[in-house]
Amino acid sequence: MQTVTLGNTGITVNKNGFGALPIQRISTEDAVKLARKAYEAGITFFDTARFYTDSEEKLGEAFAGMREKVYLATKTAASNAKEFWEQLETSLHNLQTDYIDIYQFHNPSFCPKLGDGTGLYEAMLEAKEQGKIRHIGITNHRLAVAEEAIESGLYETLQFPFCYLATEKDIALVEKCKEAGMGFIAMKALSGGLITNSAAAYAFEAQYDNVLPIWGVQREAELDEFISYIDNPPAMTKELSELIAHDRAELSGEFCRGCGYCMPCPAGIEINNCARMSLLLRRSPSELQLTPEVQEKMKKIENCLHCNKCKSKCPYGLDTPALLEKNYEDYKRVLSGEVSVR
């Protein structure tokens, strides 16, 4: 079994972490079943957030009475100290616990620091002194903020997108965390569903001994794949290396990662899926994307206000309105039969 230690925190867990964002889409009964099955198989790190609707509550239900057997990480999107304390107390209540193992600032547009005027980092320190949190972390999609967090020396963990589509700058970030004694938690290890070979995804992450990937799962079959890697971890073979090279070539350049930070859209467009529809059509069973429901969602692109709010909020600097238009035109060609997909 492969394990990873998160920097200087002392937290050592199986190389598979459980990303609990997707369980907000399933029933409490099914979510509890998934989380407990993961634990029974040897997965003990579970990551959630206040932003993920009822995800915290579902994990709280899953591990009631056995809190000390798992590591729970959650996040706050607070913009000031008052919101921080409110969200922390809500998370503690939802998770049915009196402490959180890693409490993370959730994708802030800046790096919270002592004396920055927000009171956020001071509140984080006070919560740690009170024993309500054990380790201080930050998540981000912006390379500059992530680098600033490492250089600040204020954080014990960084959560950042990291998959086999990573750039050299992303890989350098992993190395910087290792040198700084910071834990590195890899989100988007499947690039929001664009990576469809989990063995290749796992083999890539396994090359970095300080990286803990968290896999977002909402179906038992998905969880079973990662459970199978506990005793039989995939190694980087020639075949997997070639598959990764093919995917890197296909997915190079500007594409929507589906992070959702551009949402909500004032025109009601489901941007985080619609702006990457062309890739979803070609990298997942196309019939799933051609249903009347999805067609209706794509049609909303016609109502785009061109307000550029999505563009201004994209952490990757994408021209989101242009991406939406491009994906919609491609989608219509597929619907009409002008273009075929697998």
Protein backbone atom coordinates (compact mmCIF):
# COMPACT_ATOMS: atom_id res chain seq x y z
CA MET A 1 0.00 0.00 0.00
CA GLN A 2 1.38 3.40 -0.98
CA THR A 3 1.12 6.18 1.58
CA VAL A 4 1.89 9.89 1.64
CA THR A 5 2.74 12.24 4.50
CA LEU A 6 1.40 15.78 4.19
CA GLY A 7 4.52 17.85 4.78
CA ASN A 8 5.23 18.57 8.44
CA THR A 9 1.66 17.91 9.61
CA GLY A 10 2.39 14.31 10.54
CA ILE A 11 -0.73 13.21 8.67
CA THR A 12 0.14 9.98 6.85
CA VAL A 13 -2.58 8.37 4.76
CA ASN A 14 -3.18 6.09 1.81
CA LYS A 15 -2.24 7.64 -1.54
CA ASN A 16 -5.98 7.81 -2.33
CA GLY A 17 -7.88 10.72 -0.81
CA PHE A 18 -11.68 11.02 -0.99
CA GLY A 19 -12.92 14.23 -2.61
CA ALA A 20 -16.42 14.82 -1.28
CA LEU A 21 -17.65 17.48 -3.71
CA PRO A 22 -19.62 15.00 -5.87
CA ILE A 23 -21.52 13.41 -2.98
CA GLN A 24 -23.67 16.54 -2.76
CA ARG A 25 -25.40 15.20 -5.89
CA ILE A 26 -26.50 11.89 -4.34
CA SER A 27 -28.71 10.88 -1.44
CA THR A 28 -27.46 10.86 2.13
CA GLU A 29 -27.89 7.09 2.26
CA ASP A 30 -25.75 6.56 -0.84
CA ALA A 31 -23.14 9.11 0.27
CA VAL A 32 -22.77 7.51 3.70
CA LYS A 33 -22.42 4.11 2.05
CA LEU A 34 -19.67 5.38 -0.26
CA ALA A 35 -17.70 7.13 2.49
CA ARG A 36 -17.86 4.15 4.82
CA LYS A 37 -16.85 1.75 2.05
CA ALA A 38 -13.85 3.96 1.30
CA TYR A 39 -12.86 3.94 4.97
CA GLU A 40 -13.25 0.18 5.31
CA ALA A 41 -10.98 -0.26 2.29
CA GLY A 42 -8.23 1.86 3.85
CA ILE A 43 -8.98 5.42 2.68
CA THR A 44 -8.86 7.77 5.68
CA PHE A 45 -8.55 11.28 4.20
CA PHE A 46 -11.81 13.05 3.32
CA ASP A 47 -11.94 16.56 1.85
CA THR A 48 -15.05 18.74 1.68
CA ALA A 49 -16.09 22.41 1.96
CA ARG A 50 -18.85 24.68 3.20
CA PHE A 51 -19.34 25.57 -0.48
CA TYR A 52 -20.37 21.96 -1.28
CA THR A 53 -23.98 22.30 -0.03
CA ASP A 54 -24.70 19.22 2.18
CA SER A 55 -21.41 17.37 1.65
CA GLU A 56 -20.19 18.13 5.18
CA GLU A 57 -23.40 16.84 6.71
CA LYS A 58 -23.12 13.59 4.80
CA LEU A 59 -19.56 13.01 5.98
CA GLY A 60 -20.64 13.87 9.51
CA GLU A 61 -23.32 11.20 9.30
CA ALA A 62 -20.87 8.68 7.83
CA PHE A 63 -18.30 9.02 10.62
CA ALA A 64 -20.44 9.77 13.66
CA GLY A 65 -19.02 7.82 16.59
CA MET A 66 -15.71 7.10 14.85
CA ARG A 67 -14.32 10.58 14.30
CA GLU A 68 -10.79 9.75 15.48
CA LYS A 69 -10.40 7.09 12.79
CA VAL A 70 -10.39 9.53 9.85
CA TYR A 71 -8.86 12.84 8.80
CA LEU A 72 -11.38 15.51 7.84
CA ALA A 73 -10.44 18.57 5.80
CA THR A 74 -12.88 21.31 4.93
CA LYS A 75 -12.77 24.88 3.65
CA THR A 76 -14.09 28.36 4.34
CA ALA A 77 -14.88 31.01 1.75
CA ALA A 78 -15.15 33.70 4.45
CA SER A 79 -14.12 37.23 3.50
CA ASN A 80 -13.81 38.52 7.07
CA ALA A 81 -13.37 37.26 10.64
CA LYS A 82 -17.09 37.28 11.45
CA GLU A 83 -17.88 35.05 8.49
CA PHE A 84 -14.90 32.85 9.37
CA TRP A 85 -16.22 32.02 12.83
CA GLU A 86 -19.77 31.50 11.56
CA GLN A 87 -18.60 29.09 8.86
CA LEU A 88 -16.24 27.25 11.18
CA GLU A 89 -18.99 26.63 13.74
CA THR A 90 -21.33 25.46 10.96
CA SER A 91 -18.70 23.04 9.65
CA LEU A 92 -18.01 21.64 13.11
CA HIS A 93 -21.75 21.10 13.62
CA ASN A 94 -22.25 19.51 10.19
CA LEU A 95 -19.25 17.21 10.55
CA GLN A 96 -20.36 16.22 14.07
CA THR A 97 -16.94 16.96 15.52
CA ASP A 98 -15.17 19.41 17.81
CA TYR A 99 -12.09 19.74 15.59
CA ILE A 100 -11.11 19.80 11.93
CA ASP A 101 -7.80 18.26 10.89
CA ILE A 102 -7.07 20.73 8.07
CA TYR A 103 -9.04 23.95 7.71
CA GLN A 104 -8.42 25.65 4.38
CA PHE A 105 -9.10 29.05 2.88
CA HIS A 106 -11.19 28.20 -0.18
CA ASN A 107 -9.65 29.62 -3.38
CA PRO A 108 -9.19 33.21 -2.17
CA SER A 109 -8.20 35.81 -4.77
CA PHE A 110 -5.29 36.79 -2.50
CA CYS A 111 -3.10 35.07 0.08
CA PRO A 112 -4.46 35.81 3.58
CA LYS A 113 -1.68 36.97 5.90
CA LEU A 114 -1.20 38.49 9.32
CA GLY A 115 -1.97 42.18 9.33
CA ASP A 116 -3.60 42.31 5.88
CA GLY A 117 -6.69 43.99 7.30
CA THR A 118 -9.13 41.11 6.75
CA GLY A 119 -8.57 39.41 10.10
CA LEU A 120 -8.80 36.04 8.36
CA TYR A 121 -5.40 34.63 9.20
CA GLU A 122 -5.62 35.94 12.77
CA ALA A 123 -8.95 34.07 13.13
CA MET A 124 -7.34 30.93 11.72
CA LEU A 125 -4.55 31.13 14.31
CA GLU A 126 -7.01 31.69 17.14
CA ALA A 127 -9.09 28.69 16.00
CA LYS A 128 -5.94 26.58 16.05
CA GLU A 129 -5.05 27.79 19.55
CA GLN A 130 -8.57 26.83 20.69
CA GLY A 131 -8.10 23.33 19.28
CA LYS A 132 -10.93 23.70 16.79
CA ILE A 133 -8.56 23.17 13.89
CA ARG A 134 -5.25 21.31 13.86
CA HIS A 135 -3.59 22.48 10.66
CA ILE A 136 -3.90 25.56 8.44
CA GLY A 137 -4.25 25.13 4.69
CA ILE A 138 -5.15 27.04 1.56
CA THR A 139 -6.63 26.00 -1.78
CA ASN A 140 -6.24 27.84 -5.03
CA HIS A 141 -6.40 27.76 -8.81
CA ARG A 142 -4.07 30.73 -9.26
CA LEU A 143 -0.37 29.97 -9.56
CA ALA A 144 0.68 33.35 -8.18
CA VAL A 145 -1.43 32.99 -5.02
CA ALA A 146 -0.20 29.41 -4.52
CA GLU A 147 3.43 30.50 -4.81
CA GLU A 148 2.84 33.37 -2.38
CA ALA A 149 1.29 30.96 0.13
CA ILE A 150 4.37 28.73 -0.01
CA GLU A 151 6.78 31.65 0.32
CA SER A 152 4.82 33.12 3.24
CA GLY A 153 5.62 30.18 5.52
CA LEU A 154 2.14 30.55 7.03
CA TYR A 155 0.51 27.44 5.61
CA GLU A 156 0.90 23.75 6.33
CA THR A 157 -0.86 22.46 3.21
CA LEU A 158 -1.64 23.65 -0.30
CA GLN A 159 -4.46 22.23 -2.40
CA PHE A 160 -3.98 22.92 -6.10
CA PRO A 161 -5.07 21.36 -9.43
CA PHE A 162 -2.53 18.70 -10.39
CA CYS A 163 -2.96 15.99 -12.99
CA TYR A 164 -1.02 14.61 -15.93
CA LEU A 165 -1.96 17.70 -17.94
CA ALA A 166 0.14 19.76 -15.52
CA THR A 167 2.59 22.34 -16.81
CA GLU A 168 6.23 22.62 -15.77
CA LYS A 169 5.21 25.49 -13.49
CA ASP A 170 2.68 23.23 -11.73
CA ILE A 171 5.32 20.54 -11.23
CA ALA A 172 7.72 23.17 -9.87
CA LEU A 173 5.01 24.11 -7.35
CA VAL A 174 4.95 20.52 -6.06
CA GLU A 175 8.72 20.63 -5.57
CA LYS A 176 8.52 23.99 -3.77
CA CYS A 177 5.99 22.53 -1.34
CA LYS A 178 8.26 19.58 -0.65
CA GLU A 179 11.22 21.86 0.05
CA ALA A 180 9.07 24.02 2.35
CA GLY A 181 7.70 21.05 4.31
CA MET A 182 4.17 21.78 3.09
CA GLY A 183 1.70 19.07 2.24
CA PHE A 184 0.45 19.09 -1.35
CA ILE A 185 -3.15 17.97 -1.94
CA ALA A 186 -3.92 17.43 -5.62
CA MET A 187 -7.40 18.43 -6.69
CA LYS A 188 -8.74 17.93 -10.21
CA ALA A 189 -6.56 14.82 -10.57
CA LEU A 190 -9.00 13.72 -13.30
CA SER A 191 -9.26 17.26 -14.71
CA GLY A 192 -12.96 17.49 -13.97
CA GLY A 193 -13.78 14.32 -15.90
CA LEU A 194 -11.66 14.99 -18.99
CA ILE A 195 -9.18 12.31 -17.90
CA THR A 196 -10.95 8.99 -18.30
CA ASN A 197 -8.15 6.52 -17.53
CA SER A 198 -7.85 6.41 -13.74
CA ALA A 199 -4.86 4.06 -13.85
CA ALA A 200 -2.89 6.61 -15.86
CA ALA A 201 -4.02 9.37 -13.51
CA TYR A 202 -2.91 7.37 -10.46
CA ALA A 203 0.42 6.36 -12.01
CA PHE A 204 1.22 10.00 -12.73
CA GLU A 205 0.43 11.12 -9.17
CA ALA A 206 2.42 8.19 -7.74
CA GLN A 207 5.60 9.65 -9.23
CA TYR A 208 5.46 12.42 -6.59
CA ASP A 209 5.89 11.08 -3.08
CA ASN A 210 4.65 14.27 -1.38
CA VAL A 211 1.38 14.52 -3.35
CA LEU A 212 -1.98 13.32 -2.05
CA PRO A 213 -4.56 13.12 -4.86
CA ILE A 214 -8.19 13.46 -3.84
CA TRP A 215 -10.52 11.66 -6.22
CA GLY A 216 -14.03 13.04 -6.58
CA VAL A 217 -16.44 10.09 -6.62
CA GLN A 218 -20.21 9.77 -6.55
CA ARG A 219 -20.65 6.22 -7.89
CA GLU A 220 -19.60 2.99 -6.26
CA ALA A 221 -18.00 1.76 -9.49
CA GLU A 222 -15.73 4.82 -9.50
CA LEU A 223 -14.71 4.23 -5.90
CA ASP A 224 -14.01 0.56 -6.64
CA GLU A 225 -11.40 1.56 -9.22
CA PHE A 226 -9.39 3.53 -6.68
CA ILE A 227 -9.86 0.92 -3.97
CA SER A 228 -8.34 -1.65 -6.33
CA TYR A 229 -5.22 0.52 -6.55
CA ILE A 230 -4.58 0.25 -2.80
CA ASP A 231 -3.19 -3.28 -3.12
CA ASN A 232 -2.28 -3.04 -6.81
CA PRO A 233 -1.09 0.51 -7.53
CA PRO A 234 -0.62 1.19 -11.26
CA ALA A 235 2.96 1.84 -12.33
CA MET A 236 3.98 4.15 -15.18
CA THR A 237 4.23 1.72 -18.08
CA LYS A 238 5.09 2.51 -21.69
CA GLU A 239 1.41 2.10 -22.58
CA LEU A 240 0.24 4.56 -19.92
CA SER A 241 3.02 6.99 -20.81
CA GLU A 242 1.92 6.96 -24.45
CA LEU A 243 -1.72 7.49 -23.43
CA ILE A 244 -0.71 10.49 -21.32
CA ALA A 245 1.31 11.95 -24.19
CA HIS A 246 -1.71 11.58 -26.50
CA ASP A 247 -4.01 13.28 -24.01
CA ARG A 248 -1.55 16.11 -23.38
CA ALA A 249 -1.43 16.77 -27.12
CA GLU A 250 -5.24 16.67 -27.44
CA LEU A 251 -5.91 18.82 -24.39
CA SER A 252 -3.08 21.32 -24.72
CA GLY A 253 -3.89 24.99 -24.94
CA GLU A 254 -6.91 26.79 -23.56
CA PHE A 255 -9.74 24.66 -22.24
CA CYS A 256 -12.25 24.95 -19.42
CA ARG A 257 -11.27 22.90 -16.35
CA GLY A 258 -14.84 22.95 -15.01
CA CYS A 259 -13.84 24.46 -11.66
CA GLY A 260 -17.05 26.51 -11.48
CA TYR A 261 -15.57 29.71 -10.07
CA CYS A 262 -17.17 31.65 -12.93
CA MET A 263 -20.59 30.73 -11.59
CA PRO A 264 -23.35 31.72 -11.14
CA CYS A 265 -24.15 33.12 -14.56
CA PRO A 266 -26.72 35.96 -14.65
CA ALA A 267 -28.16 34.39 -17.83
CA GLY A 268 -28.50 30.99 -16.16
CA ILE A 269 -25.84 29.30 -18.32
CA GLU A 270 -24.17 26.26 -16.73
CA ILE A 271 -20.78 27.57 -17.77
CA ASN A 272 -18.59 24.97 -16.08
CA ASN A 273 -20.01 22.24 -18.32
CA CYS A 274 -21.16 24.17 -21.40
CA ALA A 275 -17.76 25.80 -21.95
CA ARG A 276 -16.10 22.40 -22.30
CA MET A 277 -18.86 20.53 -24.09
CA SER A 278 -16.73 19.78 -27.16
CA LEU A 279 -14.25 17.89 -25.01
CA LEU A 280 -16.97 16.09 -23.06
CA LEU A 281 -18.55 14.93 -26.32
CA ARG A 282 -15.30 13.37 -27.44
CA ARG A 283 -13.98 12.05 -24.14
CA SER A 284 -17.11 10.53 -22.60
CA PRO A 285 -20.07 8.63 -24.05
CA SER A 286 -21.55 11.25 -26.37
CA GLU A 287 -25.14 10.14 -25.79
CA LEU A 288 -24.89 11.47 -22.23
CA GLN A 289 -24.37 14.96 -23.65
CA LEU A 290 -27.09 14.87 -26.34
CA THR A 291 -30.16 14.47 -24.15
CA PRO A 292 -33.02 17.01 -24.32
CA GLU A 293 -31.96 18.31 -20.91
CA VAL A 294 -28.39 19.03 -22.03
CA GLN A 295 -29.63 20.52 -25.30
CA GLU A 296 -31.74 22.96 -23.30
CA LYS A 297 -28.75 23.90 -21.17
CA MET A 298 -26.61 24.53 -24.26
CA LYS A 299 -29.35 26.62 -25.87
CA LYS A 300 -29.10 29.08 -22.98
CA ILE A 301 -25.79 30.19 -24.45
CA GLU A 302 -27.90 32.15 -26.96
CA ASN A 303 -28.95 34.33 -24.02
CA CYS A 304 -25.38 35.29 -23.08
CA LEU A 305 -25.34 38.91 -21.90
CA HIS A 306 -21.67 39.37 -22.78
CA CYS A 307 -21.27 40.98 -19.37
CA ASN A 308 -17.85 39.30 -19.06
CA LYS A 309 -18.41 38.48 -15.38
CA CYS A 310 -17.38 34.87 -16.07
CA LYS A 311 -14.26 36.03 -17.88
CA SER A 312 -13.23 38.29 -15.01
CA LYS A 313 -13.63 35.47 -12.45
CA CYS A 314 -11.84 32.71 -14.39
CA PRO A 315 -8.68 31.76 -12.45
CA TYR A 316 -7.11 30.53 -15.71
CA GLY A 317 -7.66 33.80 -17.57
CA LEU A 318 -9.85 32.22 -20.25
CA ASP A 319 -12.07 34.17 -22.63
CA THR A 320 -15.12 32.31 -21.35
CA PRO A 321 -17.78 33.94 -23.58
CA ALA A 322 -15.73 33.03 -26.66
CA LEU A 323 -15.32 29.47 -25.37
CA LEU A 324 -19.07 29.18 -24.83
CA GLU A 325 -19.80 30.36 -28.36
CA LYS A 326 -17.22 28.00 -29.86
CA ASN A 327 -18.55 25.01 -27.91
CA TYR A 328 -22.15 25.83 -28.82
CA GLU A 329 -21.37 25.96 -32.55
CA ASP A 330 -19.57 22.62 -32.29
CA TYR A 331 -22.45 21.14 -30.31
CA LYS A 332 -24.99 22.17 -32.97
CA ARG A 333 -22.88 20.53 -35.68
CA VAL A 334 -22.81 17.29 -33.70
CA LEU A 335 -26.59 17.45 -33.12
CA SER A 336 -27.25 17.96 -36.83
CA GLY A 337 -25.03 15.03 -37.77
CA GLU A 338 -22.62 17.30 -39.63
CA VAL A 339 -19.86 16.11 -37.29
CA SER A 340 -19.68 12.65 -35.76
CA VAL A 341 -18.17 11.71 -32.40
CA ARG A 342 -17.53 8.36 -30.82
